[in-house]
Every structure is written in structure tokens, then in C-alpha cells.
Protein backbone atom coordinates (compact mmCIF):
# COMPACT_ATOMS: atom_id res chain seq x y z
CA MET A 1 27.73 -90.98 -3.24
CA ASN A 2 30.29 -90.18 -5.98
CA LYS A 3 33.07 -87.61 -5.69
CA HIS A 4 31.32 -84.97 -7.81
CA THR A 5 28.07 -85.16 -5.77
CA TRP A 6 29.98 -84.91 -2.50
CA PHE A 7 31.93 -81.89 -3.79
CA THR A 8 28.67 -80.24 -4.94
CA LEU A 9 27.02 -80.76 -1.55
CA ARG A 10 30.03 -79.39 0.29
CA ILE A 11 30.09 -76.26 -1.85
CA SER A 12 26.29 -75.85 -1.48
CA LEU A 13 26.55 -76.14 2.31
CA LYS A 14 29.31 -73.55 2.42
CA GLN A 15 27.30 -71.14 0.28
CA ALA A 16 24.15 -71.72 2.36
CA TYR A 17 26.13 -70.97 5.53
CA THR A 18 27.60 -67.80 4.03
CA SER A 19 24.17 -66.62 2.92
CA LEU A 20 22.55 -67.20 6.31
CA VAL A 21 25.37 -65.57 8.28
CA SER A 22 25.51 -62.54 6.01
CA ARG A 23 21.83 -61.83 6.70
CA LYS A 24 21.71 -62.36 10.47
CA MET A 25 18.60 -60.31 11.24
CA ARG A 26 16.50 -61.91 8.49
CA THR A 27 17.72 -65.37 9.46
CA THR A 28 16.85 -64.78 13.13
CA PHE A 29 13.27 -63.65 12.44
CA THR A 30 12.77 -66.47 9.96
CA LEU A 31 13.82 -69.01 12.58
CA LEU A 32 11.31 -67.80 15.20
CA GLY A 33 8.28 -69.64 13.83
CA ILE A 34 10.20 -72.92 13.58
CA VAL A 35 11.68 -72.50 17.08
CA ILE A 36 8.29 -71.81 18.66
CA GLY A 37 6.61 -74.70 16.83
CA SER A 38 9.36 -77.19 17.72
CA ALA A 39 9.35 -76.16 21.39
CA ALA A 40 5.57 -76.54 21.51
CA VAL A 41 5.75 -80.04 20.00
CA VAL A 42 8.23 -81.17 22.68
CA LEU A 43 6.05 -79.70 25.43
CA VAL A 44 2.84 -81.28 24.13
CA MET A 45 4.41 -84.73 23.85
CA ALA A 46 5.87 -84.49 27.35
CA ALA A 47 2.60 -83.19 28.82
CA GLY A 48 0.59 -85.91 27.07
CA ASP A 49 2.81 -88.68 28.48
CA ALA A 50 2.68 -87.10 31.93
CA LEU A 51 -1.11 -86.79 31.82
CA LYS A 52 -1.51 -90.42 30.77
CA ALA A 53 0.86 -91.63 33.51
CA TYR A 54 -0.98 -89.51 36.10
CA LEU A 55 -4.45 -90.74 35.19
CA VAL A 56 -3.34 -94.37 34.92
CA GLY A 57 -1.79 -94.00 38.36
CA GLN A 58 -5.09 -92.66 39.71
CA LEU A 59 -6.93 -95.66 38.27
CA ALA A 60 -4.32 -98.04 39.67
CA ALA A 61 -5.12 -96.73 43.16
CA PHE A 62 -8.43 -98.59 42.88
CA GLY A 63 -6.66 -101.80 41.89
CA THR A 64 -7.32 -103.87 38.78
CA ASP A 65 -10.13 -106.08 40.06
CA TYR A 66 -13.01 -103.61 40.03
CA ILE A 67 -16.02 -103.19 37.73
CA HIS A 68 -17.65 -99.77 37.61
CA VAL A 69 -21.33 -99.21 36.77
CA ASP A 70 -22.65 -95.69 36.24
CA ILE A 71 -25.76 -94.09 34.80
CA LYS A 72 -26.12 -93.23 31.11
CA VAL A 73 -28.72 -91.39 29.05
CA PRO A 74 -30.34 -94.17 26.95
CA VAL A 75 -29.99 -92.34 23.63
CA ALA A 76 -26.27 -91.63 24.18
CA LYS A 77 -23.30 -93.88 23.50
CA LYS A 78 -20.98 -95.17 26.18
CA ALA A 79 -18.38 -92.61 27.36
CA SER A 80 -19.66 -90.16 24.76
CA LEU A 81 -19.63 -86.37 24.90
CA GLY A 82 -23.39 -86.40 24.38
CA ASN A 83 -23.91 -88.43 27.54
CA ALA A 84 -21.68 -86.15 29.60
CA VAL A 85 -23.34 -82.99 28.27
CA SER A 86 -26.83 -84.39 28.90
CA LEU A 87 -26.05 -85.31 32.51
CA VAL A 88 -24.35 -81.97 33.21
CA SER A 89 -27.32 -80.18 31.61
CA GLY A 90 -29.65 -81.71 34.16
CA VAL A 91 -30.98 -84.86 32.48
CA SER A 92 -31.80 -87.21 35.34
CA VAL A 93 -31.43 -91.01 35.18
CA THR A 94 -33.07 -92.52 38.26
CA THR A 95 -33.08 -96.24 37.48
CA LEU A 96 -29.88 -97.34 39.27
CA ASN A 97 -30.35 -98.17 42.95
CA ASP A 98 -29.19 -100.25 45.90
CA LYS A 99 -31.39 -103.21 44.88
CA ASP A 100 -29.39 -103.46 41.65
CA LEU A 101 -26.26 -103.93 43.75
CA GLN A 102 -27.98 -106.61 45.84
CA ALA A 103 -28.84 -108.52 42.65
CA ILE A 104 -25.31 -108.12 41.27
CA ARG A 105 -23.81 -109.39 44.54
CA ARG A 106 -25.37 -112.79 43.82
CA ILE A 107 -23.01 -113.29 40.85
CA PRO A 108 -20.45 -115.91 42.06
CA ASN A 109 -17.42 -113.90 40.89
CA VAL A 110 -18.51 -110.69 42.66
CA LYS A 111 -16.55 -110.21 45.87
CA ASP A 112 -17.83 -106.93 47.33
CA GLY A 113 -19.56 -103.74 46.27
CA TYR A 114 -20.96 -100.36 47.19
CA VAL A 115 -23.30 -97.72 45.77
CA ALA A 116 -22.72 -93.96 45.75
CA ILE A 117 -24.23 -90.59 44.99
CA MET A 118 -23.03 -87.02 45.46
CA GLY A 119 -24.67 -83.76 46.37
CA GLN A 120 -23.61 -80.26 47.38
CA GLU A 121 -24.93 -78.58 50.52
CA LEU A 122 -24.07 -75.82 52.98
CA VAL A 123 -22.43 -77.34 56.04
CA SER A 124 -21.94 -75.50 59.33
CA ALA A 125 -19.84 -76.17 62.42
CA GLY A 126 -20.07 -73.46 65.04
CA SER A 127 -19.65 -70.15 63.21
CA GLU A 128 -18.07 -71.73 60.13
CA ILE A 129 -20.31 -72.27 57.07
CA LYS A 130 -18.94 -73.93 53.93
CA LYS A 131 -20.45 -75.27 50.73
CA THR A 132 -19.22 -78.86 50.59
CA THR A 133 -19.68 -81.98 48.49
CA LEU A 134 -21.46 -84.81 50.30
CA TYR A 135 -20.33 -88.26 49.20
CA GLY A 136 -23.08 -90.73 50.04
CA VAL A 137 -21.71 -94.29 50.02
CA SER A 138 -22.57 -97.68 51.46
CA ASP A 139 -20.27 -99.40 53.92
CA GLY A 140 -18.27 -101.42 51.35
CA MET A 141 -16.51 -98.29 50.02
CA LEU A 142 -13.66 -98.35 52.53
CA SER A 143 -12.31 -101.75 51.48
CA ILE A 144 -12.98 -101.41 47.73
CA GLU A 145 -11.29 -98.02 47.33
CA ARG A 146 -8.44 -99.17 49.60
CA THR A 147 -8.68 -96.09 51.79
CA GLN A 148 -7.68 -95.67 55.43
CA LEU A 149 -8.92 -93.70 58.39
CA LEU A 150 -6.79 -91.22 60.28
CA GLU A 151 -9.04 -91.32 63.33
CA GLY A 152 -12.24 -92.96 64.46
CA ARG A 153 -14.23 -95.41 62.36
CA PHE A 154 -16.35 -95.71 59.22
CA PHE A 155 -20.12 -96.16 59.41
CA SER A 156 -21.55 -99.67 59.40
CA ALA A 157 -24.20 -101.38 57.27
CA GLU A 158 -26.62 -101.07 60.18
CA GLU A 159 -26.04 -97.32 60.43
CA ASN A 160 -26.61 -96.99 56.70
CA SER A 161 -29.88 -98.91 56.72
CA GLY A 162 -30.98 -97.10 59.89
CA LEU A 163 -30.40 -93.64 58.36
CA ALA A 164 -27.87 -92.82 61.10
CA PRO A 165 -26.90 -89.09 61.27
CA VAL A 166 -23.13 -89.74 61.18
CA VAL A 167 -20.35 -88.49 58.93
CA VAL A 168 -16.67 -89.03 58.18
CA LEU A 169 -14.69 -85.94 57.17
CA GLY A 170 -12.00 -85.53 54.54
CA THR A 171 -8.83 -83.80 55.75
CA LYS A 172 -9.47 -80.46 53.99
CA VAL A 173 -13.09 -80.29 55.12
CA LYS A 174 -11.99 -80.90 58.69
CA GLU A 175 -9.51 -78.01 58.48
CA LYS A 176 -12.13 -75.67 56.99
CA LEU A 177 -14.76 -76.47 59.60
CA PHE A 178 -12.67 -77.05 62.73
CA GLY A 179 -9.20 -75.70 61.99
CA ASN A 180 -6.66 -77.21 64.38
CA SER A 181 -9.33 -78.16 66.93
CA PRO A 182 -10.36 -81.83 67.35
CA ALA A 183 -13.36 -82.86 65.23
CA MET A 184 -14.06 -86.34 66.59
CA GLU A 185 -17.53 -86.65 68.17
CA LYS A 186 -18.24 -83.02 67.31
CA GLU A 187 -21.44 -82.00 65.52
CA ILE A 188 -22.06 -80.39 62.14
CA ARG A 189 -25.34 -79.23 60.64
CA ILE A 190 -26.66 -79.94 57.16
CA ARG A 191 -30.06 -78.57 56.11
CA GLY A 192 -30.97 -77.96 59.73
CA ARG A 193 -30.12 -81.54 60.78
CA THR A 194 -27.38 -82.44 63.20
CA PHE A 195 -24.73 -85.02 62.25
CA ARG A 196 -22.03 -86.49 64.47
CA VAL A 197 -18.43 -86.82 63.28
CA ILE A 198 -17.34 -90.42 63.84
CA GLY A 199 -14.17 -90.53 61.73
CA LEU A 200 -11.49 -88.65 59.82
CA MET A 201 -10.20 -89.94 56.49
CA ALA A 202 -6.48 -90.09 55.80
CA ALA A 203 -5.30 -87.77 53.03
CA ARG A 204 -6.24 -89.24 49.64
CA GLY A 205 -5.31 -86.52 47.17
CA SER A 206 -7.15 -86.29 43.87
CA ALA A 207 -8.87 -88.98 41.82
CA GLY A 208 -8.42 -87.70 38.29
CA PHE A 209 -9.08 -83.99 38.88
CA PHE A 210 -11.50 -84.54 41.77
CA ASP A 211 -10.26 -83.65 45.26
CA MET A 212 -11.15 -86.59 47.53
CA ASP A 213 -10.01 -84.69 50.66
CA SER A 214 -12.76 -82.10 50.23
CA LEU A 215 -15.59 -84.61 50.73
CA ILE A 216 -17.87 -85.39 53.62
CA TYR A 217 -18.61 -89.14 53.64
CA ILE A 218 -22.14 -89.93 54.73
CA PRO A 219 -24.26 -93.12 54.67
CA VAL A 220 -25.87 -93.23 51.25
CA LYS A 221 -29.39 -93.90 52.57
CA THR A 222 -29.07 -91.07 55.07
CA LEU A 223 -28.15 -88.73 52.21
CA GLN A 224 -30.93 -90.08 50.01
CA LYS A 225 -33.80 -89.99 52.51
CA THR A 226 -33.02 -87.15 54.91
CA ILE A 227 -31.31 -84.62 52.64
CA LEU A 228 -31.87 -85.22 48.90
CA GLY A 229 -35.27 -86.97 49.01
CA ILE A 230 -34.40 -89.59 46.37
CA ASP A 231 -33.92 -93.36 46.20
CA HIS A 232 -31.51 -93.72 43.26
CA VAL A 233 -27.70 -93.60 42.97
CA THR A 234 -25.33 -92.38 40.25
CA PHE A 235 -22.88 -95.27 40.28
CA LEU A 236 -21.90 -98.50 41.93
CA MET A 237 -18.62 -100.39 42.06
CA VAL A 238 -17.89 -104.07 42.67
CA THR A 239 -14.72 -106.13 42.97
CA THR A 240 -14.16 -109.63 41.60
CA TRP A 241 -12.61 -112.81 42.95
CA ASP A 242 -11.13 -113.95 39.64
CA LEU A 243 -9.67 -111.11 37.56
CA SER A 244 -9.41 -113.32 34.46
CA ARG A 245 -13.23 -113.57 34.40
CA ALA A 246 -13.82 -109.82 34.71
CA GLU A 247 -15.21 -109.42 31.18
CA ASP A 248 -17.62 -112.35 31.65
CA THR A 249 -18.72 -110.90 34.98
CA ALA A 250 -19.29 -107.51 33.34
CA GLU A 251 -21.52 -109.19 30.77
CA GLU A 252 -23.50 -110.90 33.56
CA ILE A 253 -23.97 -107.50 35.22
CA ARG A 254 -25.31 -106.07 31.96
CA ALA A 255 -27.78 -108.94 31.64
CA ILE A 256 -29.02 -108.47 35.22
CA LEU A 257 -29.45 -104.70 34.86
CA ARG A 258 -31.25 -105.03 31.52
CA ALA A 259 -33.68 -107.49 33.08
CA ARG A 260 -34.23 -105.31 36.15
CA HIS A 261 -34.62 -102.11 34.10
CA HIS A 262 -36.84 -103.82 31.48
CA ILE A 263 -34.44 -103.09 28.61
CA THR A 264 -34.75 -105.29 25.51
CA ASN A 265 -32.56 -103.24 23.16
CA PRO A 266 -28.88 -102.97 24.28
CA ASN A 267 -28.63 -99.68 22.40
CA ARG A 268 -31.10 -98.26 24.94
CA ASP A 269 -29.06 -99.14 28.04
CA ASP A 270 -29.42 -96.59 30.84
CA PHE A 271 -26.10 -97.66 32.39
CA ASN A 272 -22.43 -98.20 31.55
CA VAL A 273 -20.46 -101.23 32.75
CA THR A 274 -16.69 -100.75 32.63
CA THR A 275 -13.92 -103.08 33.81
CA ALA A 276 -10.57 -101.76 35.07
CA ALA A 277 -8.82 -102.98 31.92
CA GLU A 278 -11.38 -101.29 29.69
CA ALA A 279 -11.10 -98.05 31.68
CA GLN A 280 -7.34 -98.00 31.08
CA ARG A 281 -7.82 -98.65 27.36
CA MET A 282 -10.38 -95.86 27.12
CA LEU A 283 -8.09 -93.55 29.04
CA GLY A 284 -5.19 -94.26 26.68
CA THR A 285 -7.42 -93.58 23.67
CA VAL A 286 -8.73 -90.30 25.08
CA VAL A 287 -5.30 -88.98 26.11
CA GLY A 288 -3.83 -90.08 22.77
CA GLY A 289 -6.59 -88.25 20.91
CA ILE A 290 -6.07 -85.08 22.95
CA THR A 291 -2.32 -85.24 22.35
CA LEU A 292 -2.80 -85.64 18.59
CA LEU A 293 -5.23 -82.72 18.51
CA LEU A 294 -2.79 -80.49 20.39
CA LEU A 295 0.05 -81.60 18.12
CA ALA A 296 -2.06 -80.68 15.10
CA LEU A 297 -2.69 -77.24 16.60
CA VAL A 298 0.93 -76.49 17.52
CA SER A 299 2.08 -77.76 14.13
CA ILE A 300 0.37 -74.72 12.64
CA ALA A 301 3.28 -72.68 14.03
CA LEU A 302 5.70 -74.85 12.06
CA VAL A 303 3.62 -74.48 8.91
CA VAL A 304 3.53 -70.70 9.38
CA GLY A 305 7.29 -70.80 9.85
CA GLY A 306 7.54 -72.82 6.63
CA VAL A 307 5.59 -70.17 4.73
CA GLY A 308 7.99 -67.57 6.08
CA ILE A 309 10.93 -69.65 4.87
CA MET A 310 9.38 -69.96 1.41
CA ASN A 311 9.04 -66.18 1.21
CA VAL A 312 12.62 -65.69 2.36
CA MET A 313 13.86 -68.20 -0.21
CA TYR A 314 11.99 -66.40 -2.99
CA VAL A 315 13.63 -63.13 -1.91
CA SER A 316 17.00 -64.85 -1.75
CA VAL A 317 16.61 -66.24 -5.27
CA ALA A 318 15.60 -62.79 -6.57
CA GLU A 319 18.57 -61.13 -4.86
CA ARG A 320 21.06 -63.68 -6.19
CA THR A 321 19.74 -64.12 -9.73
CA PHE A 322 22.94 -62.77 -11.26
CA GLU A 323 25.01 -65.13 -9.07
CA ILE A 324 22.88 -68.07 -10.25
CA GLY A 325 23.33 -67.04 -13.90
CA LEU A 326 27.10 -66.69 -13.45
CA ARG A 327 27.42 -70.13 -11.85
CA LYS A 328 25.39 -71.78 -14.61
CA ALA A 329 27.40 -69.91 -17.28
CA ILE A 330 30.65 -71.44 -15.98
CA GLY A 331 29.23 -74.98 -15.88
CA ALA A 332 27.01 -75.42 -12.78
CA HIS A 333 24.17 -77.86 -13.34
CA GLU A 334 20.51 -77.32 -12.46
CA THR A 335 20.86 -79.80 -9.56
CA ASP A 336 23.84 -77.84 -8.20
CA ILE A 337 21.70 -74.70 -7.88
CA LEU A 338 18.77 -76.72 -6.49
CA TYR A 339 20.98 -78.28 -3.80
CA GLN A 340 22.36 -74.89 -2.84
CA PHE A 341 18.98 -73.31 -2.10
CA LEU A 342 17.34 -76.47 -0.74
CA LEU A 343 20.20 -76.95 1.72
CA GLU A 344 19.80 -73.32 2.74
CA ALA A 345 16.11 -73.94 3.56
CA LEU A 346 16.99 -77.17 5.39
CA ALA A 347 19.69 -75.39 7.36
CA LEU A 348 17.15 -72.79 8.48
CA THR A 349 14.53 -75.32 9.56
CA GLY A 350 17.09 -77.73 10.98
CA ILE A 351 18.71 -75.09 13.17
CA GLY A 352 15.29 -73.75 14.19
CA GLY A 353 13.99 -77.25 14.96
CA LEU A 354 17.06 -78.11 17.05
CA ILE A 355 16.97 -74.85 19.01
CA GLY A 356 13.20 -75.19 19.56
CA ALA A 357 13.51 -78.79 20.72
CA ILE A 358 16.25 -77.80 23.19
CA ILE A 359 14.18 -74.88 24.50
CA GLY A 360 11.14 -77.16 24.80
CA THR A 361 13.20 -79.66 26.76
CA ILE A 362 14.46 -76.97 29.15
CA ILE A 363 10.91 -75.70 29.71
CA THR A 364 9.73 -79.28 30.26
CA TYR A 365 12.23 -79.84 33.06
CA ALA A 366 11.43 -76.42 34.53
CA LEU A 367 7.70 -77.24 34.63
CA GLY A 368 8.46 -80.61 36.24
CA ALA A 369 10.54 -78.93 38.94
CA LEU A 370 7.85 -76.27 39.51
CA ALA A 371 5.15 -78.93 39.83
CA ALA A 372 7.25 -80.79 42.39
CA LEU A 373 7.78 -77.61 44.40
CA ARG A 374 4.04 -76.94 44.37
CA GLY A 375 3.34 -80.49 45.54
CA PHE A 376 1.58 -81.59 42.34
CA VAL A 377 1.90 -85.22 41.27
CA TRP A 378 2.68 -84.23 37.68
CA ASN A 379 5.76 -86.10 36.53
CA ILE A 380 6.30 -84.24 33.29
CA SER A 381 9.64 -85.20 31.79
CA PHE A 382 11.61 -85.14 28.55
CA THR A 383 10.75 -87.67 25.83
CA TRP A 384 12.98 -88.60 22.92
CA GLN A 385 9.87 -89.15 20.80
CA GLY A 386 8.89 -85.51 21.22
CA PHE A 387 12.41 -84.30 20.48
CA ALA A 388 12.67 -86.47 17.34
CA LEU A 389 9.19 -85.46 16.16
CA ALA A 390 9.93 -81.75 16.61
CA PHE A 391 13.24 -81.92 14.75
CA GLY A 392 11.95 -84.32 12.08
CA PHE A 393 8.84 -82.28 11.33
CA SER A 394 10.88 -79.08 11.05
CA MET A 395 13.11 -80.78 8.47
CA VAL A 396 10.05 -81.93 6.52
CA VAL A 397 8.81 -78.33 6.56
CA GLY A 398 12.18 -77.28 5.14
CA VAL A 399 11.89 -79.73 2.26
CA VAL A 400 8.25 -78.93 1.49
CA PHE A 401 8.57 -75.14 1.58
CA GLY A 402 12.12 -74.90 0.27
CA LEU A 403 11.85 -77.23 -2.71
CA TYR A 404 9.78 -75.02 -5.03
CA PRO A 405 11.96 -71.88 -4.70
CA ALA A 406 15.06 -74.09 -5.09
CA ARG A 407 13.68 -75.69 -8.27
CA ARG A 408 12.77 -72.29 -9.62
CA ALA A 409 16.33 -71.10 -9.01
CA GLY A 410 17.73 -74.21 -10.70
CA LYS A 411 15.62 -73.71 -13.82
CA LEU A 412 16.78 -70.13 -14.44
CA GLN A 413 18.49 -69.76 -17.82
CA PRO A 414 22.01 -68.23 -17.68
CA VAL A 415 21.22 -65.55 -20.25
CA ASP A 416 18.07 -64.41 -18.48
CA ALA A 417 19.76 -64.50 -15.08
CA LEU A 418 22.80 -62.49 -16.21
CA ARG A 419 20.57 -59.97 -17.98
CA ASN A 420 18.79 -59.38 -14.64
CA ASP A 421 21.85 -57.52 -13.37
């Protein structure tokens, strides 16, 4: 940078500062859109990272050696919105069952497995009546999900096959039904049938956004035959001996299920097979997509702020037309005028972006502290990427929306500008 250019920039910066300070109220209101947009960008980036870390942590609780199989509407794609909407809307897929698990267990690399289905029913204990989620599972669930009992025991394979009327309670269900009183060996009633409490689960927290402590665990066949009147399940999970062969094992599972369900076209599968590694990749993609969408939405605030800056710059050029003409009459070049007004726009967006990023960072730490006080496992924290993106994007907005008014000011002819007085 030569001496003349440096001198020109220094003068332009000084004039931009003088202009902004002399119009404090207008400068403050112009900054608001940039400040809000920058703060929102920092918050979204921090929340996205926290959400991804939280969900990955929930998946990690199941280990890395599992393969998950769940039902799918044949016409829908794997992990698609259409599949989720169809199932929520009441479309029933009844092809997955316990015999599928028995066939899958014969794969050499499959270590253990269980099937599961859920249902909601009114449950009573004494005078207490609560609507509760019943989690019907086979006996392998305890070891695969790496869960522990607080008291008692889990039901056995024999009790499952014999339709035993036994249950294991989650910690929150126990409190709702029995309060501080002991629940072991007590009875609860579901659909007029009596079930004996044989165990209490240790606190598990949430899996994703699903509260595992609000479940009643019941033998899957007992739930199927005595309460729901069905013989299918919604998902099954298996673990593998050799993690390096997980993808090959998943392909073997697909082949077995297609043969058992008489499927010749893979595009018509009525099931999904997902390894732990694939689940983490899908999770990263989904969270990344949500974060980008939110960033696109909050960036609208920055664009709106940029439009406001463009309007302010047009007003500033109109107000200072005589000044521009006088400077050009005594030898100022077009680029000198352009730098002056462009630097003024950049100063506005730069200051707004910096203030917004700082405010967003403060709010981020405040939300993290509040989550910790409330007992939520939501480790939201500051990210340099979010800070840099907020500040960088605000500067880009300054260039984009400040360049045209600055060029217009630079192209004013001295005679016309001086005549404007």
C-alpha cells in the first residue's frame, strides 16, 4: 500500500467516524438490524453444535456395536419425512416380528438381540390412575441397552414366552404411582388385568427427546397377546461380535428380511437396517441441515439491516452532496470519495456485527448456565466459528449494500454537486 493510498484511507476513516458520531440516533437505529442478526447467528451455531453433541452422546449410550431394524412404509425412502408422516398418520406395517429376530440370530456375527413395541394405556395402582407408555421388550434388552436395575430383577425369556403378568417400572412412573412408598412386589392394573412389579429401573434420562424413566417395561409377548392383541413389533436391535464387519452383517440382515417378507425389489423394503456408524452419519447430516436452515432464516435480519444501511447511505450522500463537490473541486479523486462512504458503511456493519456477536456469546453462556441449573444435559457453549461467521457476514453485508451508494457519491461531478447547495 503506497503512501497516498494509506493517507486517503486514514482521512476516509476519520470522516466516517465523524459522520457516524455526529448522527448518534440514526447510527444507533441503523445498527439494530445488524446487531440482532449477528447475535442470532452466534446463537444458532452454538445451539446446533450443542444439539449434535447431545444426540451423538445419546447414541453413544447404546455403544457402537449395534444394528437397528425398524419398520418402514414400502413406498417411502429410508429415514424420510414421508415415512415418518405415514407412520404417525396411522399407516400400519405388521411384517416385523420375533421370528425375524430368531432368523437374524443365526448370523455368525450377531451376538445378541431383542424386539420391542410400544403402546399407551391407563395404569392404576390403588387410587392413582395415570396414562403411561408401555415398553414391550424381550429379555435381551437389559444387556444391549447397557441399563441397570435399581431394585429387583428383569423378566426372563421364560416369563416372556409364558406371557407372565410382570412389569419393571421406570423411576418417574414409580413416583407417580406409588410416591415414596415401596413398589416392589406390589400390583398395578392395566386394562383390568393385574401385573406384579418385579423390578425398578435405575434413572436413564432421555434417549433423544424420549423420556426413558416414564416407561413401564413389560414382556413383549405379554403386551402383544394380553393387551394389544397383535403379533408384530415396531423394531428390533442386535449387537455384533466384530464391529469391523457391521456393514456386511447389516447386508445379511437385509437379505434375510427380504426373503422372509417375500420382497424382490429393494425399493419396496418394509424395514430399515441402520448400523451405529450410519446412524451417527445421518444424525450429523440432519443436524447440519437444520443448522443451515436456521442460519438462512436468521440471516434475513442481516439482509434487512443491510437494506437499512443502504437507505442511510443514500440519505448521507444526499445530505453531503456539497461536501463531495467541494472535495472533488480541490483535487479529491473518485476513489477517495468511494472509500469514504464505503468505509462508513463497513464501520456501521462492522461495529454492529461485533456488538451482536458479543451479545450472542453472552446469551449463549447464560443459556448454558440456565440449562445446567435446570438439570438439562444441554452443553451449549461459545464457538469461534459462529463468532467469525457473524462478524464476517456483517462485513459482507456492509460491502454489498454500501458499495452502490459509495460509487454513486464518487461519480458525482463537482459542478453538479456544488450547484446542489
